[in-house]
N, C-alpha and C. Protein backbone atom coordinates (compact mmCIF):
# COMPACT_ATOMS: atom_id res chain seq x y z
N UNK A 1 -18.87 -0.19 -20.93
CA UNK A 1 -18.34 -0.43 -19.59
C UNK A 1 -18.14 -1.93 -19.40
N UNK A 2 -17.12 -2.30 -18.74
CA UNK A 2 -16.70 -3.66 -18.48
C UNK A 2 -17.28 -4.09 -17.15
N UNK A 3 -17.90 -5.27 -17.07
CA UNK A 3 -18.53 -5.69 -15.82
C UNK A 3 -18.28 -7.17 -15.60
N UNK A 4 -17.65 -7.49 -14.51
CA UNK A 4 -17.39 -8.87 -14.13
C UNK A 4 -17.48 -8.98 -12.63
N UNK A 5 -17.50 -10.20 -12.15
CA UNK A 5 -17.51 -10.41 -10.70
C UNK A 5 -16.46 -11.45 -10.35
N UNK A 6 -15.74 -11.21 -9.27
CA UNK A 6 -14.77 -12.16 -8.73
C UNK A 6 -15.26 -12.54 -7.35
N UNK A 7 -15.38 -13.81 -7.08
CA UNK A 7 -15.92 -14.25 -5.81
C UNK A 7 -14.88 -14.20 -4.72
N UNK A 8 -15.32 -13.78 -3.54
CA UNK A 8 -14.41 -13.72 -2.39
C UNK A 8 -14.96 -14.63 -1.30
N UNK A 9 -14.05 -15.21 -0.55
CA UNK A 9 -14.42 -16.08 0.54
C UNK A 9 -14.58 -15.27 1.81
N UNK A 10 -15.52 -15.67 2.69
CA UNK A 10 -15.67 -14.94 3.95
C UNK A 10 -14.38 -15.04 4.75
N UNK A 11 -14.02 -13.96 5.46
CA UNK A 11 -12.76 -13.94 6.20
C UNK A 11 -12.85 -14.72 7.50
N UNK A 12 -14.03 -14.86 8.05
CA UNK A 12 -14.20 -15.66 9.25
C UNK A 12 -15.41 -16.56 9.07
N UNK A 13 -15.46 -17.61 9.85
CA UNK A 13 -16.56 -18.54 9.74
C UNK A 13 -17.83 -17.99 10.37
N UNK A 14 -17.67 -17.29 11.46
CA UNK A 14 -18.83 -16.75 12.17
C UNK A 14 -18.83 -15.24 12.08
N UNK A 15 -19.85 -14.69 11.50
CA UNK A 15 -19.97 -13.24 11.34
C UNK A 15 -21.32 -12.79 11.84
N UNK A 16 -21.34 -11.61 12.40
CA UNK A 16 -22.62 -11.07 12.83
C UNK A 16 -23.33 -10.36 11.68
N UNK A 17 -22.58 -9.91 10.68
CA UNK A 17 -23.19 -9.30 9.52
C UNK A 17 -22.72 -10.03 8.27
N UNK A 18 -23.50 -9.99 7.25
CA UNK A 18 -23.20 -10.71 6.03
C UNK A 18 -22.15 -9.98 5.21
N UNK A 19 -21.14 -10.71 4.79
CA UNK A 19 -20.08 -10.15 3.96
C UNK A 19 -20.44 -10.40 2.50
N UNK A 20 -20.18 -9.43 1.61
CA UNK A 20 -20.47 -9.67 0.20
C UNK A 20 -19.65 -10.84 -0.32
N UNK A 21 -20.25 -11.66 -1.16
CA UNK A 21 -19.57 -12.85 -1.65
C UNK A 21 -18.96 -12.63 -3.03
N UNK A 22 -19.13 -11.46 -3.61
CA UNK A 22 -18.56 -11.20 -4.94
C UNK A 22 -18.08 -9.76 -5.02
N UNK A 23 -17.09 -9.56 -5.87
CA UNK A 23 -16.60 -8.22 -6.16
C UNK A 23 -17.05 -7.87 -7.57
N UNK A 24 -17.74 -6.78 -7.71
CA UNK A 24 -18.10 -6.31 -9.05
C UNK A 24 -16.95 -5.49 -9.59
N UNK A 25 -16.59 -5.75 -10.83
CA UNK A 25 -15.43 -5.11 -11.44
C UNK A 25 -15.88 -4.21 -12.58
N UNK A 26 -15.52 -2.92 -12.51
CA UNK A 26 -15.92 -1.94 -13.52
C UNK A 26 -14.67 -1.35 -14.16
N UNK A 27 -14.57 -1.45 -15.49
CA UNK A 27 -13.41 -0.90 -16.18
C UNK A 27 -13.67 0.57 -16.48
N UNK A 28 -12.77 1.42 -15.96
CA UNK A 28 -12.85 2.87 -16.13
C UNK A 28 -11.44 3.39 -16.40
N UNK A 29 -11.29 4.70 -16.54
CA UNK A 29 -9.96 5.27 -16.69
C UNK A 29 -9.66 6.18 -15.50
N UNK A 30 -8.38 6.32 -15.21
CA UNK A 30 -7.93 7.16 -14.11
C UNK A 30 -6.76 8.00 -14.58
N UNK A 31 -6.55 9.13 -13.93
CA UNK A 31 -5.39 9.96 -14.22
C UNK A 31 -4.18 9.43 -13.46
N UNK A 32 -3.10 9.21 -14.19
CA UNK A 32 -1.84 8.76 -13.62
C UNK A 32 -0.80 9.83 -13.91
N UNK A 33 -0.20 10.38 -12.86
CA UNK A 33 0.82 11.42 -13.03
C UNK A 33 2.18 10.88 -12.63
N UNK A 34 3.15 11.13 -13.49
CA UNK A 34 4.52 10.71 -13.23
C UNK A 34 5.46 11.55 -14.09
N UNK A 35 6.73 11.49 -13.78
CA UNK A 35 7.73 12.20 -14.58
C UNK A 35 8.14 11.34 -15.76
N UNK A 36 8.30 11.96 -16.92
CA UNK A 36 8.79 11.23 -18.08
C UNK A 36 10.32 11.17 -18.03
N UNK A 37 10.92 10.60 -19.06
CA UNK A 37 12.38 10.42 -19.08
C UNK A 37 13.15 11.75 -19.10
N UNK A 38 12.48 12.83 -19.51
CA UNK A 38 13.12 14.16 -19.53
C UNK A 38 12.88 14.94 -18.25
N UNK A 39 12.15 14.36 -17.31
CA UNK A 39 11.88 15.05 -16.05
C UNK A 39 10.65 15.93 -16.06
N UNK A 40 9.84 15.84 -17.11
CA UNK A 40 8.60 16.62 -17.20
C UNK A 40 7.46 15.84 -16.56
N UNK A 41 6.61 16.54 -15.82
CA UNK A 41 5.45 15.90 -15.22
C UNK A 41 4.40 15.66 -16.30
N UNK A 42 3.97 14.41 -16.43
CA UNK A 42 3.04 14.01 -17.48
C UNK A 42 1.82 13.38 -16.82
N UNK A 43 0.64 13.71 -17.35
CA UNK A 43 -0.60 13.08 -16.90
C UNK A 43 -1.13 12.25 -18.06
N UNK A 44 -1.45 10.99 -17.78
CA UNK A 44 -2.04 10.15 -18.81
C UNK A 44 -3.23 9.40 -18.24
N UNK A 45 -4.18 9.11 -19.12
CA UNK A 45 -5.33 8.30 -18.73
C UNK A 45 -4.92 6.84 -18.84
N UNK A 46 -5.11 6.10 -17.76
CA UNK A 46 -4.77 4.68 -17.77
C UNK A 46 -6.02 3.87 -17.43
N UNK A 47 -6.17 2.69 -18.02
CA UNK A 47 -7.31 1.86 -17.67
C UNK A 47 -7.12 1.28 -16.26
N UNK A 48 -8.17 1.30 -15.48
CA UNK A 48 -8.18 0.69 -14.15
C UNK A 48 -9.48 -0.07 -13.99
N UNK A 49 -9.48 -0.95 -13.03
CA UNK A 49 -10.71 -1.66 -12.67
C UNK A 49 -11.05 -1.23 -11.25
N UNK A 50 -12.27 -0.73 -11.09
CA UNK A 50 -12.73 -0.24 -9.79
C UNK A 50 -13.90 -1.09 -9.33
N UNK A 51 -14.14 -1.06 -8.03
CA UNK A 51 -15.26 -1.78 -7.46
C UNK A 51 -16.49 -0.90 -7.38
N UNK A 52 -17.48 -1.41 -6.68
CA UNK A 52 -18.70 -0.65 -6.43
C UNK A 52 -18.43 0.48 -5.45
N UNK A 53 -19.32 1.47 -5.38
CA UNK A 53 -19.15 2.53 -4.38
C UNK A 53 -19.03 1.93 -2.98
N UNK A 54 -18.10 2.48 -2.20
CA UNK A 54 -17.87 1.98 -0.85
C UNK A 54 -16.74 0.97 -0.78
N UNK A 55 -16.34 0.40 -1.92
CA UNK A 55 -15.21 -0.52 -1.91
C UNK A 55 -13.92 0.28 -2.02
N UNK A 56 -12.85 -0.30 -1.54
CA UNK A 56 -11.62 0.47 -1.34
C UNK A 56 -10.44 -0.10 -2.12
N UNK A 57 -10.66 -0.45 -3.38
CA UNK A 57 -9.56 -0.99 -4.17
C UNK A 57 -9.63 -0.49 -5.61
N UNK A 58 -8.46 -0.52 -6.26
CA UNK A 58 -8.32 -0.27 -7.69
C UNK A 58 -7.33 -1.29 -8.23
N UNK A 59 -7.63 -1.87 -9.37
CA UNK A 59 -6.70 -2.77 -10.06
C UNK A 59 -6.11 -2.02 -11.25
N UNK A 60 -4.80 -2.16 -11.43
CA UNK A 60 -4.10 -1.47 -12.53
C UNK A 60 -3.19 -2.46 -13.25
N UNK A 61 -2.81 -2.10 -14.45
CA UNK A 61 -1.84 -2.92 -15.17
C UNK A 61 -0.47 -2.77 -14.54
N UNK A 62 0.39 -3.77 -14.68
CA UNK A 62 1.71 -3.76 -14.03
C UNK A 62 2.58 -2.54 -14.34
N UNK A 63 2.40 -1.90 -15.48
CA UNK A 63 3.23 -0.73 -15.80
C UNK A 63 3.04 0.38 -14.77
N UNK A 64 1.81 0.57 -14.31
CA UNK A 64 1.54 1.60 -13.29
C UNK A 64 2.14 1.17 -11.96
N UNK A 65 1.92 -0.08 -11.56
CA UNK A 65 2.50 -0.58 -10.32
C UNK A 65 4.01 -0.51 -10.33
N UNK A 66 4.61 -0.82 -11.48
CA UNK A 66 6.07 -0.78 -11.59
C UNK A 66 6.62 0.63 -11.42
N UNK A 67 5.87 1.63 -11.87
CA UNK A 67 6.31 3.02 -11.68
C UNK A 67 6.34 3.36 -10.19
N UNK A 68 5.36 2.88 -9.44
CA UNK A 68 5.35 3.11 -7.99
C UNK A 68 6.50 2.35 -7.33
N UNK A 69 6.75 1.12 -7.78
CA UNK A 69 7.85 0.33 -7.22
C UNK A 69 9.19 1.03 -7.46
N UNK A 70 9.39 1.53 -8.68
CA UNK A 70 10.64 2.23 -9.00
C UNK A 70 10.80 3.49 -8.15
N UNK A 71 9.72 4.23 -7.95
CA UNK A 71 9.78 5.44 -7.12
C UNK A 71 10.06 5.08 -5.66
N UNK A 72 9.51 3.96 -5.19
CA UNK A 72 9.75 3.53 -3.82
C UNK A 72 11.21 3.14 -3.63
N UNK A 73 11.79 2.45 -4.61
CA UNK A 73 13.21 2.08 -4.52
C UNK A 73 14.09 3.32 -4.53
N UNK A 74 13.73 4.28 -5.37
CA UNK A 74 14.50 5.52 -5.47
C UNK A 74 14.45 6.30 -4.16
N UNK A 75 13.29 6.28 -3.49
CA UNK A 75 13.12 7.01 -2.23
C UNK A 75 13.43 6.13 -1.02
N UNK A 76 13.92 4.91 -1.26
CA UNK A 76 14.26 3.95 -0.20
C UNK A 76 13.05 3.59 0.65
N UNK A 77 11.89 3.45 -0.01
CA UNK A 77 10.68 2.98 0.64
C UNK A 77 10.44 1.59 0.08
N UNK A 78 10.35 0.59 0.94
CA UNK A 78 10.15 -0.76 0.43
C UNK A 78 9.39 -1.60 1.43
N UNK A 79 8.99 -2.78 0.99
CA UNK A 79 8.29 -3.73 1.85
C UNK A 79 9.29 -4.40 2.77
N UNK A 80 8.84 -4.94 3.90
CA UNK A 80 9.75 -5.68 4.78
C UNK A 80 10.40 -6.85 4.03
N UNK A 81 11.67 -7.10 4.33
CA UNK A 81 12.42 -8.15 3.64
C UNK A 81 11.79 -9.52 3.85
N UNK A 82 11.25 -9.78 5.04
CA UNK A 82 10.68 -11.08 5.35
C UNK A 82 9.37 -11.33 4.62
N UNK A 83 8.76 -10.30 4.08
CA UNK A 83 7.47 -10.44 3.41
C UNK A 83 7.68 -11.08 2.04
N UNK A 84 7.01 -12.21 1.81
CA UNK A 84 7.13 -12.93 0.55
C UNK A 84 6.32 -12.24 -0.54
N UNK A 85 5.27 -11.55 -0.15
CA UNK A 85 4.39 -10.90 -1.11
C UNK A 85 4.95 -9.52 -1.44
N UNK A 86 5.21 -9.25 -2.72
CA UNK A 86 5.76 -7.93 -3.08
C UNK A 86 4.70 -6.84 -2.92
N UNK A 87 4.99 -5.88 -2.06
CA UNK A 87 4.07 -4.77 -1.80
C UNK A 87 4.82 -3.46 -1.77
N UNK A 88 4.06 -2.41 -1.78
CA UNK A 88 4.60 -1.06 -1.66
C UNK A 88 3.65 -0.28 -0.75
N UNK A 89 4.18 0.30 0.33
CA UNK A 89 3.35 1.07 1.26
C UNK A 89 3.11 2.46 0.69
N UNK A 90 1.85 2.85 0.68
CA UNK A 90 1.44 4.14 0.13
C UNK A 90 0.53 4.86 1.11
N UNK A 91 0.02 5.99 0.68
CA UNK A 91 -1.01 6.73 1.40
C UNK A 91 -2.11 7.06 0.40
N UNK A 92 -3.33 7.16 0.92
CA UNK A 92 -4.44 7.62 0.08
C UNK A 92 -4.89 8.96 0.63
N UNK A 93 -4.89 9.96 -0.22
CA UNK A 93 -5.26 11.32 0.16
C UNK A 93 -6.73 11.54 -0.21
N UNK A 94 -7.59 11.62 0.80
CA UNK A 94 -9.03 11.68 0.56
C UNK A 94 -9.48 12.99 -0.10
N UNK A 95 -8.83 14.09 0.23
CA UNK A 95 -9.24 15.38 -0.35
C UNK A 95 -9.07 15.37 -1.86
N UNK A 96 -7.94 14.90 -2.34
CA UNK A 96 -7.68 14.88 -3.79
C UNK A 96 -7.98 13.52 -4.41
N UNK A 97 -8.33 12.52 -3.58
CA UNK A 97 -8.67 11.17 -4.04
C UNK A 97 -7.54 10.56 -4.88
N UNK A 98 -6.30 10.58 -4.32
CA UNK A 98 -5.20 9.95 -5.05
C UNK A 98 -4.33 9.09 -4.12
N UNK A 99 -3.71 8.09 -4.73
CA UNK A 99 -2.72 7.25 -4.06
C UNK A 99 -1.34 7.83 -4.37
N UNK A 100 -0.47 7.85 -3.36
CA UNK A 100 0.88 8.34 -3.56
C UNK A 100 1.72 8.10 -2.32
N UNK A 101 2.91 8.67 -2.29
CA UNK A 101 3.80 8.53 -1.14
C UNK A 101 3.60 9.68 -0.17
N UNK A 102 4.14 10.84 -0.46
CA UNK A 102 3.95 12.03 0.35
C UNK A 102 3.19 13.03 -0.50
N UNK A 103 2.59 14.00 0.13
CA UNK A 103 1.73 14.94 -0.58
C UNK A 103 2.37 15.57 -1.82
N UNK A 104 3.59 16.11 -1.75
CA UNK A 104 4.12 16.74 -2.97
C UNK A 104 4.87 15.79 -3.90
N UNK A 105 4.77 14.49 -3.72
CA UNK A 105 5.59 13.57 -4.51
C UNK A 105 4.80 12.90 -5.64
N UNK A 106 5.54 12.31 -6.55
CA UNK A 106 4.97 11.58 -7.68
C UNK A 106 5.68 10.25 -7.77
N UNK A 107 5.07 9.22 -8.32
CA UNK A 107 3.84 9.18 -9.10
C UNK A 107 2.59 9.27 -8.22
N UNK A 108 1.48 9.54 -8.90
CA UNK A 108 0.16 9.59 -8.26
C UNK A 108 -0.84 8.90 -9.16
N UNK A 109 -1.77 8.20 -8.53
CA UNK A 109 -2.89 7.61 -9.26
C UNK A 109 -4.16 8.16 -8.63
N UNK A 110 -4.95 8.87 -9.43
CA UNK A 110 -6.20 9.46 -8.96
C UNK A 110 -7.33 8.46 -9.12
N UNK A 111 -8.08 8.25 -8.06
CA UNK A 111 -9.19 7.29 -8.08
C UNK A 111 -10.32 7.86 -8.94
N UNK A 112 -10.82 7.08 -9.90
CA UNK A 112 -11.92 7.55 -10.74
C UNK A 112 -13.27 7.47 -10.04
N UNK A 113 -13.32 6.73 -8.95
CA UNK A 113 -14.54 6.61 -8.15
C UNK A 113 -14.22 7.07 -6.74
N UNK A 114 -15.22 7.50 -6.01
CA UNK A 114 -15.00 8.00 -4.65
C UNK A 114 -14.64 6.84 -3.71
N UNK A 115 -13.55 6.98 -3.00
CA UNK A 115 -13.16 6.02 -1.97
C UNK A 115 -13.40 6.69 -0.64
N UNK A 116 -14.33 6.14 0.12
CA UNK A 116 -14.79 6.77 1.36
C UNK A 116 -13.74 6.69 2.46
N UNK A 117 -13.81 7.65 3.37
CA UNK A 117 -12.93 7.66 4.55
C UNK A 117 -13.39 6.61 5.53
N UNK A 118 -12.45 6.01 6.21
CA UNK A 118 -12.76 5.07 7.28
C UNK A 118 -12.66 5.76 8.63
N UNK A 119 -11.93 6.88 8.68
CA UNK A 119 -11.77 7.67 9.90
C UNK A 119 -11.93 9.14 9.53
N UNK A 120 -11.77 10.01 10.51
CA UNK A 120 -11.86 11.45 10.26
C UNK A 120 -10.61 12.00 9.58
N UNK A 121 -9.55 11.22 9.53
CA UNK A 121 -8.29 11.67 8.94
C UNK A 121 -8.45 11.91 7.44
N UNK A 122 -7.69 12.86 6.92
CA UNK A 122 -7.74 13.13 5.48
C UNK A 122 -6.77 12.24 4.69
N UNK A 123 -5.98 11.44 5.42
CA UNK A 123 -5.02 10.52 4.79
C UNK A 123 -5.20 9.14 5.41
N UNK A 124 -5.25 8.11 4.56
CA UNK A 124 -5.35 6.73 5.04
C UNK A 124 -4.15 5.93 4.55
N UNK A 125 -3.64 5.01 5.37
CA UNK A 125 -2.57 4.13 4.89
C UNK A 125 -3.12 3.19 3.83
N UNK A 126 -2.29 2.91 2.84
CA UNK A 126 -2.70 2.05 1.73
C UNK A 126 -1.54 1.14 1.35
N UNK A 127 -1.85 0.09 0.62
CA UNK A 127 -0.84 -0.85 0.14
C UNK A 127 -1.08 -1.12 -1.33
N UNK A 128 0.00 -1.23 -2.07
CA UNK A 128 -0.03 -1.65 -3.46
C UNK A 128 0.54 -3.05 -3.53
N UNK A 129 -0.27 -4.02 -3.95
CA UNK A 129 0.18 -5.40 -4.13
C UNK A 129 0.72 -5.52 -5.55
N UNK A 130 1.99 -5.93 -5.65
CA UNK A 130 2.72 -5.89 -6.91
C UNK A 130 2.92 -7.26 -7.54
N UNK A 131 1.90 -8.09 -7.52
CA UNK A 131 2.04 -9.40 -8.15
C UNK A 131 0.80 -9.69 -8.98
N UNK A 132 0.90 -10.67 -9.83
CA UNK A 132 -0.23 -11.07 -10.65
C UNK A 132 -0.33 -10.28 -11.94
N UNK A 133 -1.38 -10.57 -12.68
CA UNK A 133 -1.63 -9.91 -13.97
C UNK A 133 -2.05 -8.46 -13.79
N UNK A 134 -2.66 -8.16 -12.65
CA UNK A 134 -3.06 -6.79 -12.31
C UNK A 134 -2.50 -6.48 -10.93
N UNK A 135 -2.04 -5.26 -10.72
CA UNK A 135 -1.57 -4.83 -9.41
C UNK A 135 -2.74 -4.14 -8.71
N UNK A 136 -2.79 -4.27 -7.38
CA UNK A 136 -3.97 -3.81 -6.64
C UNK A 136 -3.63 -2.78 -5.57
N UNK A 137 -4.29 -1.63 -5.65
CA UNK A 137 -4.23 -0.59 -4.62
C UNK A 137 -5.38 -0.82 -3.66
N UNK A 138 -5.10 -0.87 -2.35
CA UNK A 138 -6.17 -1.05 -1.35
C UNK A 138 -5.89 -0.16 -0.14
N UNK A 139 -6.96 0.22 0.55
CA UNK A 139 -6.80 0.91 1.83
C UNK A 139 -6.55 -0.14 2.89
N UNK A 140 -5.56 0.08 3.74
CA UNK A 140 -5.22 -0.86 4.80
C UNK A 140 -6.36 -0.99 5.80
N UNK A 141 -6.49 -2.19 6.39
CA UNK A 141 -7.49 -2.43 7.42
C UNK A 141 -8.90 -2.63 6.90
N UNK A 142 -9.05 -2.85 5.61
CA UNK A 142 -10.38 -3.06 5.03
C UNK A 142 -10.54 -4.50 4.57
N UNK A 143 -11.78 -4.89 4.29
CA UNK A 143 -12.03 -6.23 3.75
C UNK A 143 -11.34 -6.39 2.40
N UNK A 144 -11.26 -5.31 1.63
CA UNK A 144 -10.56 -5.37 0.34
C UNK A 144 -9.07 -5.64 0.52
N UNK A 145 -8.48 -5.08 1.57
CA UNK A 145 -7.05 -5.33 1.85
C UNK A 145 -6.84 -6.79 2.23
N UNK A 146 -7.75 -7.33 3.03
CA UNK A 146 -7.65 -8.75 3.40
C UNK A 146 -7.77 -9.63 2.16
N UNK A 147 -8.72 -9.31 1.30
CA UNK A 147 -8.92 -10.07 0.07
C UNK A 147 -7.66 -10.04 -0.79
N UNK A 148 -7.07 -8.85 -0.96
CA UNK A 148 -5.86 -8.71 -1.77
C UNK A 148 -4.70 -9.50 -1.17
N UNK A 149 -4.56 -9.43 0.15
CA UNK A 149 -3.48 -10.15 0.82
C UNK A 149 -3.63 -11.66 0.61
N UNK A 150 -4.84 -12.18 0.85
CA UNK A 150 -5.05 -13.63 0.71
C UNK A 150 -4.93 -14.08 -0.74
N UNK A 151 -5.37 -13.26 -1.68
CA UNK A 151 -5.21 -13.61 -3.09
C UNK A 151 -3.74 -13.68 -3.47
N UNK A 152 -2.96 -12.71 -3.00
CA UNK A 152 -1.52 -12.70 -3.29
C UNK A 152 -0.81 -13.86 -2.60
N UNK A 153 -1.19 -14.15 -1.35
CA UNK A 153 -0.58 -15.26 -0.62
C UNK A 153 -0.90 -16.59 -1.30
N UNK A 154 -2.14 -16.74 -1.77
CA UNK A 154 -2.52 -17.97 -2.46
C UNK A 154 -1.70 -18.15 -3.73
N UNK A 155 -1.51 -17.07 -4.46
CA UNK A 155 -0.71 -17.14 -5.69
C UNK A 155 0.72 -17.56 -5.37
N UNK A 156 1.29 -17.00 -4.30
CA UNK A 156 2.66 -17.36 -3.90
C UNK A 156 2.73 -18.82 -3.46
N UNK A 157 1.73 -19.27 -2.69
CA UNK A 157 1.73 -20.64 -2.20
C UNK A 157 1.55 -21.66 -3.32
N UNK A 158 0.82 -21.29 -4.35
CA UNK A 158 0.55 -22.23 -5.44
C UNK A 158 1.54 -22.13 -6.60
N UNK A 159 2.46 -21.19 -6.52
CA UNK A 159 3.39 -20.96 -7.63
C UNK A 159 4.16 -22.24 -7.99
N UNK A 160 4.69 -22.96 -7.00
CA UNK A 160 5.48 -24.16 -7.30
C UNK A 160 4.60 -25.27 -7.89
N UNK A 161 3.36 -25.36 -7.46
CA UNK A 161 2.44 -26.37 -7.99
C UNK A 161 2.12 -26.05 -9.45
N UNK A 162 1.89 -24.79 -9.75
CA UNK A 162 1.60 -24.40 -11.13
C UNK A 162 2.80 -24.66 -12.04
N UNK A 163 4.00 -24.44 -11.54
CA UNK A 163 5.21 -24.72 -12.32
C UNK A 163 5.31 -26.22 -12.62
N UNK A 164 4.97 -27.05 -11.64
CA UNK A 164 5.00 -28.50 -11.85
C UNK A 164 3.97 -28.91 -12.89
N UNK A 165 2.80 -28.28 -12.87
CA UNK A 165 1.75 -28.63 -13.84
C UNK A 165 2.13 -28.23 -15.26
N UNK A 166 2.93 -27.19 -15.42
CA UNK A 166 3.38 -26.79 -16.75
C UNK A 166 4.21 -27.89 -17.40
N UNK A 167 4.92 -28.65 -16.59
CA UNK A 167 5.82 -29.69 -17.10
C UNK A 167 5.13 -31.03 -17.30
N UNK A 168 3.86 -31.12 -17.00
CA UNK A 168 3.13 -32.39 -17.14
C UNK A 168 2.61 -32.56 -18.53
């Protein structure tokens, strides 16, 4: 099993409860369902990075995120044009523990660890962040979603500085 920690900054300066300062990263496999080039539904095990129980994110390699992006373009589902951070709006289905668009649609990524409900609803809004070395699935309105947003925004803000450093 793969184990690492990524440190996160507190979202506010003043908190009544203590926020975790690190994310534990566990490498596991998940079922990814999508159609192949012949139109057959295929299930494959893909490596993902999951957090501790109670955390609401999964990290995947860009190939999985790109499949969701392609399906979103095909179904005319996309991020707002003004948004600089490339994202894809999804849903998380708690009964089957999978990320997807609508219940009977594909692709789907099944969570290898239990992602808890935040409300009584059986479906939660989710976002797929499509930048960086790993793409990130998160439930909207969570600390993990804030972390993913700020990490993506930081990468976008620093992109020009990193390009300048390459030329030094």
